[in-house]
C-alpha atoms as a PDB file:
ATOM      1  CA  MET A   1      71.927 123.996 167.237  1.00  0.00           C
ATOM      2  CA  ALA A   2      69.344 126.158 164.720  1.00  0.00           C
ATOM      3  CA  PHE A   3      69.052 125.166 161.169  1.00  0.00           C
ATOM      4  CA  SER A   4      70.994 126.607 158.659  1.00  0.00           C
ATOM      5  CA  PHE A   5      69.559 127.118 155.001  1.00  0.00           C
ATOM      6  CA  ALA A   6      72.788 128.019 153.568  1.00  0.00           C
ATOM      7  CA  GLY A   7      74.197 124.607 155.105  1.00  0.00           C
ATOM      8  CA  PHE A   8      71.397 122.861 153.691  1.00  0.00           C
ATOM      9  CA  ASN A   9      71.790 124.444 149.871  1.00  0.00           C
ATOM     10  CA  GLU A  10      75.509 123.666 150.080  1.00  0.00           C
ATOM     11  CA  ALA A  11      75.297 119.996 151.123  1.00  0.00           C
ATOM     12  CA  ASP A  12      72.146 119.935 148.456  1.00  0.00           C
ATOM     13  CA  ASP A  13      74.480 121.441 145.326  1.00  0.00           C
ATOM     14  CA  GLU A  14      77.141 118.998 146.308  1.00  0.00           C
ATOM     15  CA  LYS A  15      74.869 115.939 146.151  1.00  0.00           C
ATOM     16  CA  ARG A  16      73.578 117.289 142.562  1.00  0.00           C
ATOM     17  CA  ALA A  17      76.965 117.582 141.552  1.00  0.00           C
ATOM     18  CA  ARG A  18      78.234 114.200 142.755  1.00  0.00           C
ATOM     19  CA  VAL A  19      74.671 113.074 141.045  1.00  0.00           C
ATOM     20  CA  ARG A  20      75.551 114.953 137.848  1.00  0.00           C
ATOM     21  CA  GLU A  21      79.257 113.599 138.129  1.00  0.00           C
ATOM     22  CA  ASP A  22      78.318 109.579 138.327  1.00  0.00           C
ATOM     23  CA  LYS A  23      75.565 110.432 135.431  1.00  0.00           C
ATOM     24  CA  LEU A  24      78.436 111.622 133.699  1.00  0.00           C
ATOM     25  CA  ARG A  25      80.749 108.989 134.612  1.00  0.00           C
ATOM     26  CA  GLU A  26      77.875 106.396 133.559  1.00  0.00           C
ATOM     27  CA  ASP A  27      77.248 107.872 130.064  1.00  0.00           C
ATOM     28  CA  ASP A  28      81.219 108.336 129.295  1.00  0.00           C
ATOM     29  CA  LEU A  29      81.246 104.327 130.031  1.00  0.00           C
ATOM     30  CA  ALA A  30      78.219 103.608 127.998  1.00  0.00           C
ATOM     31  CA  LEU A  31      79.906 105.505 125.176  1.00  0.00           C
ATOM     32  CA  ALA A  32      82.944 103.748 125.409  1.00  0.00           C
ATOM     33  CA  ARG A  33      81.524 100.733 125.489  1.00  0.00           C
ATOM     34  CA  GLY A  34      79.222 101.461 122.107  1.00  0.00           C
ATOM     35  CA  ASN A  35      82.401 102.604 120.304  1.00  0.00           C
ATOM     36  CA  SER A  36      83.929  99.558 121.400  1.00  0.00           C
ATOM     37  CA  LEU A  37      80.948  97.597 120.140  1.00  0.00           C
ATOM     38  CA  PHE A  38      81.414  99.792 116.899  1.00  0.00           C
ATOM     39  CA  GLN A  39      85.050  99.441 116.708  1.00  0.00           C
ATOM     40  CA  LEU A  40      84.211  95.751 117.171  1.00  0.00           C
ATOM     41  CA  GLY A  41      81.798  95.209 114.318  1.00  0.00           C
ATOM     42  CA  ILE A  42      84.220  96.897 112.091  1.00  0.00           C
ATOM     43  CA  ALA A  43      86.696  94.771 112.992  1.00  0.00           C
ATOM     44  CA  LYS A  44      84.994  91.579 112.695  1.00  0.00           C
ATOM     45  CA  ARG A  45      83.443  92.760 109.202  1.00  0.00           C
ATOM     46  CA  GLU A  46      87.068  93.656 108.505  1.00  0.00           C
ATOM     47  CA  ALA A  47      87.606  89.664 109.062  1.00  0.00           C
ATOM     48  CA  GLN A  48      84.316  88.637 107.725  1.00  0.00           C
ATOM     49  CA  ASN A  49      85.841  90.558 104.368  1.00  0.00           C
ATOM     50  CA  LYS A  50      88.980  88.562 104.434  1.00  0.00           C
ATOM     51  CA  PHE A  51      87.728  84.983 105.163  1.00  0.00           C
ATOM     52  CA  LYS A  52      83.871  85.101 103.146  1.00  0.00           C
ATOM     53  CA  THR A  53      83.099  81.529 101.950  1.00  0.00           C
ATOM     54  CA  SER A  54      79.409  82.756 100.346  1.00  0.00           C
ATOM     55  CA  ASP A  55      79.101  81.789  96.505  1.00  0.00           C
ATOM     56  CA  LYS A  56      79.228  85.273  96.111  1.00  0.00           C
ATOM     57  CA  TYR A  57      82.349  86.461  97.577  1.00  0.00           C
ATOM     58  CA  LEU A  58      83.772  83.306  95.859  1.00  0.00           C
ATOM     59  CA  ASP A  59      82.375  84.164  92.544  1.00  0.00           C
ATOM     60  CA  ALA A  60      84.127  87.962  93.119  1.00  0.00           C
ATOM     61  CA  ALA A  61      87.496  86.279  94.247  1.00  0.00           C
ATOM     62  CA  SER A  62      87.635  84.953  90.683  1.00  0.00           C
ATOM     63  CA  SER A  63      87.688  87.983  89.472  1.00  0.00           C
ATOM     64  CA  VAL A  64      91.012  89.112  90.942  1.00  0.00           C
ATOM     65  CA  VAL A  65      92.754  85.947  89.410  1.00  0.00           C
ATOM     66  CA  ASP A  66      91.052  87.402  86.197  1.00  0.00           C
ATOM     67  CA  LEU A  67      92.095  90.576  86.312  1.00  0.00           C
ATOM     68  CA  THR A  68      95.758  89.342  87.340  1.00  0.00           C
ATOM     69  CA  GLN A  69      95.593  87.261  84.132  1.00  0.00           C
ATOM     70  CA  ARG A  70      94.139  89.924  82.389  1.00  0.00           C
ATOM     71  CA  LEU A  71      96.716  92.298  83.332  1.00  0.00           C
ATOM     72  CA  GLU A  72     100.119  90.013  82.593  1.00  0.00           C
ATOM     73  CA  GLY A  73     102.097  91.149  79.744  1.00  0.00           C
ATOM     74  CA  LEU A  74     101.017  94.799  80.056  1.00  0.00           C
ATOM     75  CA  ASP A  75     103.276  97.806  80.260  1.00  0.00           C
ATOM     76  CA  LEU A  76     101.826  99.417  83.236  1.00  0.00           C
ATOM     77  CA  THR A  77     102.919 102.864  84.646  1.00  0.00           C
ATOM     78  CA  GLU A  78     103.125 103.205  88.433  1.00  0.00           C
ATOM     79  CA  ASP A  79     100.059 104.809  88.656  1.00  0.00           C
ATOM     80  CA  GLN A  80      98.544 102.433  86.856  1.00  0.00           C
ATOM     81  CA  GLN A  81      99.810  99.710  88.925  1.00  0.00           C
ATOM     82  CA  THR A  82      99.151 101.174  92.404  1.00  0.00           C
ATOM     83  CA  TYR A  83      95.690 101.583  90.950  1.00  0.00           C
ATOM     84  CA  PHE A  84      95.490  97.729  90.263  1.00  0.00           C
ATOM     85  CA  ASN A  85      96.916  96.745  93.234  1.00  0.00           C
ATOM     86  CA  ASN A  86      94.293  98.590  95.087  1.00  0.00           C
ATOM     87  CA  LEU A  87      91.622  97.569  93.320  1.00  0.00           C
ATOM     88  CA  LYS A  88      92.672  94.100  93.810  1.00  0.00           C
ATOM     89  CA  THR A  89      92.680  94.085  97.552  1.00  0.00           C
ATOM     90  CA  ASP A  90      88.585  94.269  97.134  1.00  0.00           C
ATOM     91  CA  PRO A  91      86.912  91.145  95.028  1.00  0.00           C
ATOM     92  CA  PHE A  92      83.832  93.183  94.408  1.00  0.00           C
ATOM     93  CA  ALA A  93      85.370  96.343  93.520  1.00  0.00           C
ATOM     94  CA  THR A  94      87.606  94.352  91.028  1.00  0.00           C
ATOM     95  CA  GLN A  95      84.168  92.030  89.448  1.00  0.00           C
ATOM     96  CA  GLU A  96      82.567  95.523  89.228  1.00  0.00           C
ATOM     97  CA  ALA A  97      85.277  96.990  87.527  1.00  0.00           C
ATOM     98  CA  LEU A  98      85.431  93.593  85.193  1.00  0.00           C
ATOM     99  CA  LYS A  99      82.167  94.126  84.631  1.00  0.00           C
ATOM    100  CA  PHE A 100      81.984  97.741  83.722  1.00  0.00           C
ATOM    101  CA  ILE A 101      84.552  97.077  81.050  1.00  0.00           C
ATOM    102  CA  ASP A 102      83.174  94.294  79.312  1.00  0.00           C
ATOM    103  CA  GLU A 103      79.807  95.914  79.092  1.00  0.00           C
ATOM    104  CA  GLN A 104      81.150  98.979  77.417  1.00  0.00           C
ATOM    105  CA  GLU A 105      81.840  96.738  75.048  1.00  0.00           C
ATOM    106  CA  THR A 106      79.243  94.666  74.274  1.00  0.00           C
ATOM    107  CA  LYS A 107      76.431  97.364  75.131  1.00  0.00           C
ATOM    108  CA  TYR A 108      78.182 100.564  73.663  1.00  0.00           C
ATOM    109  CA  ASN A 109      80.356  99.334  71.042  1.00  0.00           C
ATOM    110  CA  THR A 110      82.846 100.977  73.318  1.00  0.00           C
ATOM    111  CA  VAL A 111      86.626  99.100  73.957  1.00  0.00           C
ATOM    112  CA  LEU A 112      87.789 100.460  76.885  1.00  0.00           C
ATOM    113  CA  GLN A 113      91.521  98.692  77.468  1.00  0.00           C
ATOM    114  CA  LEU A 114      92.293  97.910  80.880  1.00  0.00           C
ATOM    115  CA  PRO A 115      95.393 100.510  81.077  1.00  0.00           C
ATOM    116  CA  ASP A 116      92.657 103.538  80.480  1.00  0.00           C
ATOM    117  CA  LEU A 117      90.576 102.393  83.165  1.00  0.00           C
ATOM    118  CA  PRO A 118      92.766 104.174  86.050  1.00  0.00           C
ATOM    119  CA  ALA A 119      92.529 107.680  83.805  1.00  0.00           C
ATOM    120  CA  VAL A 120      88.951 107.527  82.697  1.00  0.00           C
ATOM    121  CA  PHE A 121      88.275 106.911  86.580  1.00  0.00           C
ATOM    122  CA  ASN A 122      90.418 109.816  87.594  1.00  0.00           C
ATOM    123  CA  ILE A 123      89.124 112.221  84.933  1.00  0.00           C
ATOM    124  CA  VAL A 124      85.243 111.196  85.865  1.00  0.00           C
ATOM    125  CA  ASN A 125      86.149 112.342  89.520  1.00  0.00           C
ATOM    126  CA  SER A 126      88.176 115.307  88.753  1.00  0.00           C
ATOM    127  CA  SER A 127      87.049 118.958  89.162  1.00  0.00           C
ATOM    128  CA  THR A 128      87.683 119.756  85.450  1.00  0.00           C
ATOM    129  CA  PRO A 129      84.741 120.840  83.659  1.00  0.00           C
ATOM    130  CA  VAL A 130      82.310 118.493  82.065  1.00  0.00           C
ATOM    131  CA  LYS A 131      82.703 119.365  78.574  1.00  0.00           C
ATOM    132  CA  GLU A 132      86.597 118.965  79.195  1.00  0.00           C
ATOM    133  CA  LYS A 133      85.805 116.011  80.962  1.00  0.00           C
ATOM    134  CA  ILE A 134      83.675 114.439  77.836  1.00  0.00           C
ATOM    135  CA  ASP A 135      86.122 115.820  75.377  1.00  0.00           C
ATOM    136  CA  LEU A 136      89.096 113.585  77.412  1.00  0.00           C
ATOM    137  CA  VAL A 137      86.923 110.563  77.933  1.00  0.00           C
ATOM    138  CA  GLU A 138      86.194 110.435  73.940  1.00  0.00           C
ATOM    139  CA  ALA A 139      90.001 110.759  73.417  1.00  0.00           C
ATOM    140  CA  ILE A 140      90.606 107.493  75.382  1.00  0.00           C
ATOM    141  CA  THR A 141      87.591 105.439  74.429  1.00  0.00           C
ATOM    142  CA  GLY A 142      86.870 106.472  71.280  1.00  0.00           C
ATOM    143  CA  ALA A 143      83.084 106.998  72.255  1.00  0.00           C
ATOM    144  CA  ASP A 144      80.526 109.284  70.849  1.00  0.00           C
ATOM    145  CA  LEU A 145      79.327 111.274  73.461  1.00  0.00           C
ATOM    146  CA  ARG A 146      78.191 114.058  71.094  1.00  0.00           C
ATOM    147  CA  GLY A 147      74.381 115.681  72.068  1.00  0.00           C
ATOM    148  CA  LYS A 148      71.886 114.631  74.410  1.00  0.00           C
ATOM    149  CA  GLU A 149      72.096 111.324  73.992  1.00  0.00           C
ATOM    150  CA  GLY A 150      75.968 111.724  74.272  1.00  0.00           C
ATOM    151  CA  LEU A 151      75.774 113.273  77.621  1.00  0.00           C
ATOM    152  CA  GLU A 152      73.556 111.104  79.137  1.00  0.00           C
ATOM    153  CA  ARG A 153      75.847 107.963  78.135  1.00  0.00           C
ATOM    154  CA  PHE A 154      78.808 109.899  79.928  1.00  0.00           C
ATOM    155  CA  TYR A 155      76.854 110.403  83.028  1.00  0.00           C
ATOM    156  CA  LYS A 156      75.934 106.700  82.774  1.00  0.00           C
ATOM    157  CA  LEU A 157      79.460 105.960  82.421  1.00  0.00           C
ATOM    158  CA  ALA A 158      80.600 108.761  85.121  1.00  0.00           C
ATOM    159  CA  ASN A 159      78.093 107.003  87.946  1.00  0.00           C
ATOM    160  CA  GLU A 160      79.086 103.136  87.167  1.00  0.00           C
ATOM    161  CA  ILE A 161      82.729 104.114  87.019  1.00  0.00           C
ATOM    162  CA  THR A 162      82.280 105.980  90.428  1.00  0.00           C
ATOM    163  CA  ASP A 163      80.119 103.079  92.286  1.00  0.00           C
ATOM    164  CA  ILE A 164      83.209 100.373  91.191  1.00  0.00           C
ATOM    165  CA  VAL A 165      85.014 102.000  94.614  1.00  0.00           C
ATOM    166  CA  THR A 166      81.846 104.192  95.983  1.00  0.00           C
ATOM    167  CA  VAL A 167      78.944 101.925  96.882  1.00  0.00           C
ATOM    168  CA  PRO A 168      78.646 100.831 100.458  1.00  0.00           C
ATOM    169  CA  GLY A 169      80.805  97.586 101.332  1.00  0.00           C
ATOM    170  CA  ARG A 170      83.776  98.790  99.037  1.00  0.00           C
ATOM    171  CA  THR A 171      86.942  98.537 101.223  1.00  0.00           C
ATOM    172  CA  VAL A 172      88.949 100.752  98.664  1.00  0.00           C
ATOM    173  CA  PHE A 173      86.678 103.829  98.805  1.00  0.00           C
ATOM    174  CA  THR A 174      88.802 106.720  97.284  1.00  0.00           C
ATOM    175  CA  SER A 175      92.379 105.198  98.317  1.00  0.00           C
ATOM    176  CA  ILE A 176      91.867 104.473  94.515  1.00  0.00           C
ATOM    177  CA  THR A 177      93.645 108.091  93.311  1.00  0.00           C
ATOM    178  CA  PRO A 178      95.954 107.401  90.348  1.00  0.00           C
ATOM    179  CA  GLY A 179      96.529 109.618  87.286  1.00  0.00           C
ATOM    180  CA  SER A 180      97.208 112.929  89.333  1.00  0.00           C
ATOM    181  CA  ARG A 181      99.749 113.601  87.026  1.00  0.00           C
ATOM    182  CA  ILE A 182      97.638 112.994  84.095  1.00  0.00           C
ATOM    183  CA  ASN A 183      98.572 115.774  81.448  1.00  0.00           C
ATOM    184  CA  LYS A 184      95.323 116.308  79.741  1.00  0.00           C
ATOM    185  CA  THR A 185      96.452 119.477  77.064  1.00  0.00           C
ATOM    186  CA  ALA A 186      99.662 115.953  75.787  1.00  0.00           C
ATOM    187  CA  LEU A 187      96.687 113.318  75.901  1.00  0.00           C
ATOM    188  CA  LEU A 188      94.450 115.361  73.508  1.00  0.00           C
ATOM    189  CA  THR A 189      97.332 116.360  71.242  1.00  0.00           C
ATOM    190  CA  GLU A 190      98.468 112.931  71.386  1.00  0.00           C
ATOM    191  CA  GLN A 191      95.413 111.159  70.007  1.00  0.00           C
ATOM    192  CA  GLU A 192      94.855 114.148  67.447  1.00  0.00           C
ATOM    193  CA  ALA A 193      98.561 113.631  66.314  1.00  0.00           C
ATOM    194  CA  GLN A 194      97.309 109.782  65.591  1.00  0.00           C
ATOM    195  CA  ILE A 195      94.247 110.178  64.446  1.00  0.00           C
ATOM    196  CA  ASP A 196      95.931 112.538  61.420  1.00  0.00           C
ATOM    197  CA  ALA A 197      98.730 110.089  61.274  1.00  0.00           C
ATOM    198  CA  ILE A 198      95.812 107.583  59.988  1.00  0.00           C
ATOM    199  CA  ILE A 199      93.282 109.894  58.468  1.00  0.00           C
ATOM    200  CA  GLY A 200      96.698 110.886  56.223  1.00  0.00           C
ATOM    201  CA  ASP A 201      96.781 106.993  55.059  1.00  0.00           C
ATOM    202  CA  VAL A 202      93.290 106.438  54.718  1.00  0.00           C
ATOM    203  CA  ALA A 203      92.180 109.859  52.859  1.00  0.00           C
ATOM    204  CA  THR A 204      94.980 108.948  50.506  1.00  0.00           C
ATOM    205  CA  GLU A 205      93.192 105.478  49.326  1.00  0.00           C
ATOM    206  CA  ALA A 206      89.704 107.335  49.129  1.00  0.00           C
ATOM    207  CA  GLN A 207      90.798 110.573  47.583  1.00  0.00           C
ATOM    208  CA  ILE A 208      92.495 108.242  44.656  1.00  0.00           C
ATOM    209  CA  TRP A 209      89.473 105.931  44.524  1.00  0.00           C
ATOM    210  CA  LEU A 210      87.155 108.954  43.989  1.00  0.00           C
ATOM    211  CA  LYS A 211      89.688 110.652  41.471  1.00  0.00           C
ATOM    212  CA  ASN A 212      88.878 107.598  39.031  1.00  0.00           C
ATOM    213  CA  ASN A 213      85.537 107.299  40.369  1.00  0.00           C
ATOM    214  CA  SER A 214      83.790 110.236  40.386  1.00  0.00           C
ATOM    215  CA  GLN A 215      80.545 109.070  38.668  1.00  0.00           C
ATOM    216  CA  SER A 216      80.269 106.195  40.896  1.00  0.00           C
ATOM    217  CA  ASN A 217      76.807 105.840  43.145  1.00  0.00           C
ATOM    218  CA  ASP A 218      79.240 105.783  46.261  1.00  0.00           C
ATOM    219  CA  ALA A 219      81.719 109.254  45.228  1.00  0.00           C
ATOM    220  CA  SER A 220      79.177 111.400  47.024  1.00  0.00           C
ATOM    221  CA  GLU A 221      78.933 109.447  50.610  1.00  0.00           C
ATOM    222  CA  VAL A 222      82.654 108.709  50.409  1.00  0.00           C
ATOM    223  CA  ALA A 223      83.428 112.981  49.287  1.00  0.00           C
ATOM    224  CA  ASN A 224      81.125 113.856  52.525  1.00  0.00           C
ATOM    225  CA  LEU A 225      83.482 111.198  54.540  1.00  0.00           C
ATOM    226  CA  LEU A 226      86.443 113.436  53.320  1.00  0.00           C
ATOM    227  CA  GLY A 227      85.161 116.857  53.705  1.00  0.00           C
ATOM    228  CA  THR A 228      84.196 119.097  56.395  1.00  0.00           C
ATOM    229  CA  GLU A 229      81.566 117.486  57.790  1.00  0.00           C
ATOM    230  CA  GLY A 230      83.356 114.468  57.849  1.00  0.00           C
ATOM    231  CA  ILE A 231      87.663 113.792  58.764  1.00  0.00           C
ATOM    232  CA  LYS A 232      88.229 117.684  58.088  1.00  0.00           C
ATOM    233  CA  SER A 233      84.988 118.072  60.631  1.00  0.00           C
ATOM    234  CA  LYS A 234      86.446 120.423  63.483  1.00  0.00           C
ATOM    235  CA  ASP A 235      84.357 118.237  66.016  1.00  0.00           C
ATOM    236  CA  GLY A 236      86.788 115.855  67.228  1.00  0.00           C
ATOM    237  CA  SER A 237      83.633 113.205  67.699  1.00  0.00           C
ATOM    238  CA  ILE A 238      82.705 113.759  64.301  1.00  0.00           C
ATOM    239  CA  ARG A 239      86.321 113.239  62.844  1.00  0.00           C
ATOM    240  CA  LYS A 240      86.522 109.792  64.900  1.00  0.00           C
ATOM    241  CA  THR A 241      83.161 108.702  63.835  1.00  0.00           C
ATOM    242  CA  SER A 242      84.591 109.638  60.296  1.00  0.00           C
ATOM    243  CA  LEU A 243      87.559 107.684  60.173  1.00  0.00           C
ATOM    244  CA  ILE A 244      85.902 104.760  61.622  1.00  0.00           C
ATOM    245  CA  ALA A 245      83.536 104.739  58.692  1.00  0.00           C
ATOM    246  CA  LEU A 246      85.871 105.741  55.729  1.00  0.00           C
ATOM    247  CA  PHE A 247      88.448 103.284  57.320  1.00  0.00           C
ATOM    248  CA  ASN A 248      85.616 100.719  56.641  1.00  0.00           C
ATOM    249  CA  TYR A 249      84.365 101.448  53.533  1.00  0.00           C
ATOM    250  CA  LYS A 250      84.412  99.258  50.830  1.00  0.00           C
ATOM    251  CA  PRO A 251      83.284 101.596  47.199  1.00  0.00           C
ATOM    252  CA  GLU A 252      82.379 100.171  44.154  1.00  0.00           C
ATOM    253  CA  ASN A 253      85.054  98.852  41.667  1.00  0.00           C
ATOM    254  CA  MET A 254      87.173  98.060  44.888  1.00  0.00           C
ATOM    255  CA  ASP A 255      88.084  94.396  46.540  1.00  0.00           C
ATOM    256  CA  LYS A 256      89.219  96.183  49.834  1.00  0.00           C
ATOM    257  CA  ALA A 257      88.051  99.044  52.333  1.00  0.00           C
ATOM    258  CA  PHE A 258      90.232 102.365  52.360  1.00  0.00           C
ATOM    259  CA  GLY A 259      91.586 100.764  55.677  1.00  0.00           C
ATOM    260  CA  SER A 260      93.142  98.274  57.062  1.00  0.00           C
ATOM    261  CA  PRO A 261      94.090  96.764  60.224  1.00  0.00           C
ATOM    262  CA  LEU A 262      97.516  94.858  58.865  1.00  0.00           C
ATOM    263  CA  ARG A 263      98.404  98.257  57.575  1.00  0.00           C
ATOM    264  CA  LEU A 264      97.798 100.356  60.544  1.00  0.00           C
ATOM    265  CA  TYR A 265      99.231  97.852  62.421  1.00  0.00           C
ATOM    266  CA  ASN A 266     102.451  97.859  60.205  1.00  0.00           C
ATOM    267  CA  MET A 267     102.557 101.649  60.583  1.00  0.00           C
ATOM    268  CA  THR A 268     102.079 101.871  64.343  1.00  0.00           C
ATOM    269  CA  LEU A 269     105.906  99.678  63.609  1.00  0.00           C
ATOM    270  CA  PHE A 270     107.219 102.522  61.869  1.00  0.00           C
ATOM    271  CA  ASN A 271     105.831 105.604  62.591  1.00  0.00           C
ATOM    272  CA  PRO A 272     106.694 106.832  66.249  1.00  0.00           C
ATOM    273  CA  ALA A 273     103.615 109.333  66.707  1.00  0.00           C
ATOM    274  CA  LEU A 274     101.325 106.024  66.475  1.00  0.00           C
ATOM    275  CA  LYS A 275     103.591 103.862  68.686  1.00  0.00           C
ATOM    276  CA  GLY A 276     100.784 102.034  71.088  1.00  0.00           C
ATOM    277  CA  PHE A 277      97.770 102.946  68.797  1.00  0.00           C
ATOM    278  CA  ASP A 278      96.619  99.599  68.156  1.00  0.00           C
ATOM    279  CA  LYS A 279      96.423  98.590  71.345  1.00  0.00           C
ATOM    280  CA  SER A 280      94.652 101.595  72.494  1.00  0.00           C
ATOM    281  CA  SER A 281      90.941 102.022  73.046  1.00  0.00           C
ATOM    282  CA  LEU A 282      90.180 103.984  69.523  1.00  0.00           C
ATOM    283  CA  GLY A 283      92.706 101.652  68.016  1.00  0.00           C
ATOM    284  CA  GLN A 284      91.085  98.138  69.453  1.00  0.00           C
ATOM    285  CA  LEU A 285      87.761  99.655  68.353  1.00  0.00           C
ATOM    286  CA  ILE A 286      88.651 100.219  65.087  1.00  0.00           C
ATOM    287  CA  ILE A 287      90.717  96.514  64.737  1.00  0.00           C
ATOM    288  CA  LYS A 288      87.564  95.146  66.627  1.00  0.00           C
ATOM    289  CA  ASN A 289      84.658  96.529  63.781  1.00  0.00           C
ATOM    290  CA  PHE A 290      86.299  96.457  60.832  1.00  0.00           C
ATOM    291  CA  ASP A 291      84.443  94.146  58.030  1.00  0.00           C
ATOM    292  CA  TYR A 292      87.048  91.562  57.510  1.00  0.00           C
ATOM    293  CA  PRO A 293      87.058  89.168  54.363  1.00  0.00           C
ATOM    294  CA  PRO A 294      85.992  85.334  54.489  1.00  0.00           C
ATOM    295  CA  VAL A 295      89.489  83.101  55.296  1.00  0.00           C
ATOM    296  CA  ASP A 296      91.394  82.503  52.537  1.00  0.00           C
ATOM    297  CA  GLU A 297      92.331  78.822  52.434  1.00  0.00           C
ATOM    298  CA  GLY A 298      95.636  79.095  50.721  1.00  0.00           C
ATOM    299  CA  LEU A 299      96.697  81.577  53.520  1.00  0.00           C
ATOM    300  CA  LEU A 300      95.709  79.057  56.459  1.00  0.00           C
ATOM    301  CA  THR A 301      97.402  76.204  54.776  1.00  0.00           C
ATOM    302  CA  ALA A 302     100.596  78.619  55.117  1.00  0.00           C
ATOM    303  CA  LEU A 303      99.645  79.698  58.435  1.00  0.00           C
ATOM    304  CA  ARG A 304      99.017  75.628  59.306  1.00  0.00           C
ATOM    305  CA  GLN A 305     103.114  74.887  57.685  1.00  0.00           C
ATOM    306  CA  ASN A 306     104.508  77.864  60.044  1.00  0.00           C
ATOM    307  CA  ASP A 307     102.788  78.461  62.871  1.00  0.00           C
ATOM    308  CA  THR A 308     104.478  80.767  64.952  1.00  0.00           C
ATOM    309  CA  PRO A 309     102.833  83.791  67.325  1.00  0.00           C
ATOM    310  CA  GLU A 310     103.689  86.572  64.279  1.00  0.00           C
ATOM    311  CA  SER A 311     102.285  84.363  61.880  1.00  0.00           C
ATOM    312  CA  ARG A 312      98.849  84.372  63.984  1.00  0.00           C
ATOM    313  CA  ILE A 313      99.271  88.290  64.758  1.00  0.00           C
ATOM    314  CA  GLN A 314      99.576  88.638  60.846  1.00  0.00           C
ATOM    315  CA  PHE A 315      96.681  86.135  60.354  1.00  0.00           C
ATOM    316  CA  ASP A 316      94.030  87.742  62.642  1.00  0.00           C
ATOM    317  CA  LEU A 317      94.771  91.162  61.718  1.00  0.00           C
ATOM    318  CA  ARG A 318      93.928  90.100  58.003  1.00  0.00           C
ATOM    319  CA  PHE A 319      90.850  87.559  58.901  1.00  0.00           C
ATOM    320  CA  GLY A 320      89.785  88.941  62.403  1.00  0.00           C
ATOM    321  CA  PRO A 321      90.941  89.014  66.239  1.00  0.00           C
ATOM    322  CA  GLY A 322      91.279  85.150  67.716  1.00  0.00           C
ATOM    323  CA  LYS A 323      90.692  84.076  63.939  1.00  0.00           C
ATOM    324  CA  ALA A 324      93.931  81.638  64.116  1.00  0.00           C
ATOM    325  CA  LYS A 325      93.200  80.403  67.684  1.00  0.00           C
ATOM    326  CA  GLU A 326      89.396  79.967  66.519  1.00  0.00           C
ATOM    327  CA  LEU A 327      90.933  77.438  63.436  1.00  0.00           C
ATOM    328  CA  LEU A 328      93.823  76.435  64.905  1.00  0.00           C
ATOM    329  CA  GLY A 329      93.560  76.029  68.226  1.00  0.00           C
ATOM    330  CA  ASN A 330      95.964  76.534  70.910  1.00  0.00           C
END
């Protein structure tokens, strides 16, 4: 029988095809094994995340309890509740969130209220122009983000708040996307209306004093705070900074400051435009940074005789946050 090159080539091609098929099957099996190991690793890490017992994890887990306690009694919207429920599924993200809020106050004197965290997170991670982002964050927090230093602070704040849920190892990632229904124009308009109401109250006190004390050493500074470089400025940051300064200003021939946390609190009770302002970030910034007078012993005695929650609120508004608890205990 004669040798057939055609038959040989055909047989060789079939052999090569079988080898290729075997190799593809081996590659598929290897890929499947690798993928199974990968998925198993993920599942294992997820299980480890749920049942970690390390000191770091236990410390982070306690932050979930802390956050839950801080949220008790707060009137949260549905978006805010979703945000915090998602956040609490990752103890490390929760820990970072509380650290971020606490450091804003201790390092930068910026009081960021827990309910405002979702809105700030949403603003920072939105496609809104940076200038508008800064205006919105300023409106919510009361922070001064003007100029080069302000821009640097904004980017630092933005990076820190984004890292809460995006650093490697986080389990919530961008599933936290609250605040999609934030009305930015309404937010800024509401803030401006509240600031105008407080300015109207504080400025009235300052203008009366200035009219009667035009020769005082403090007259020039008070006039500046009342003018276009102060509370009448078109720059929102300057207006807020001047408002806080005027609120705390205690001039010559006057035994009190132009502003008063107690009067501010009473305004929030009777002025619909100011409802909840005392609990907002800017409101808390004003209240916590007020220069409170020494405790009046007569009012302290009266508090001991009538120690009620409302009496404590009034006492703290006169002499400083937490002062009643400090002097009388729980």
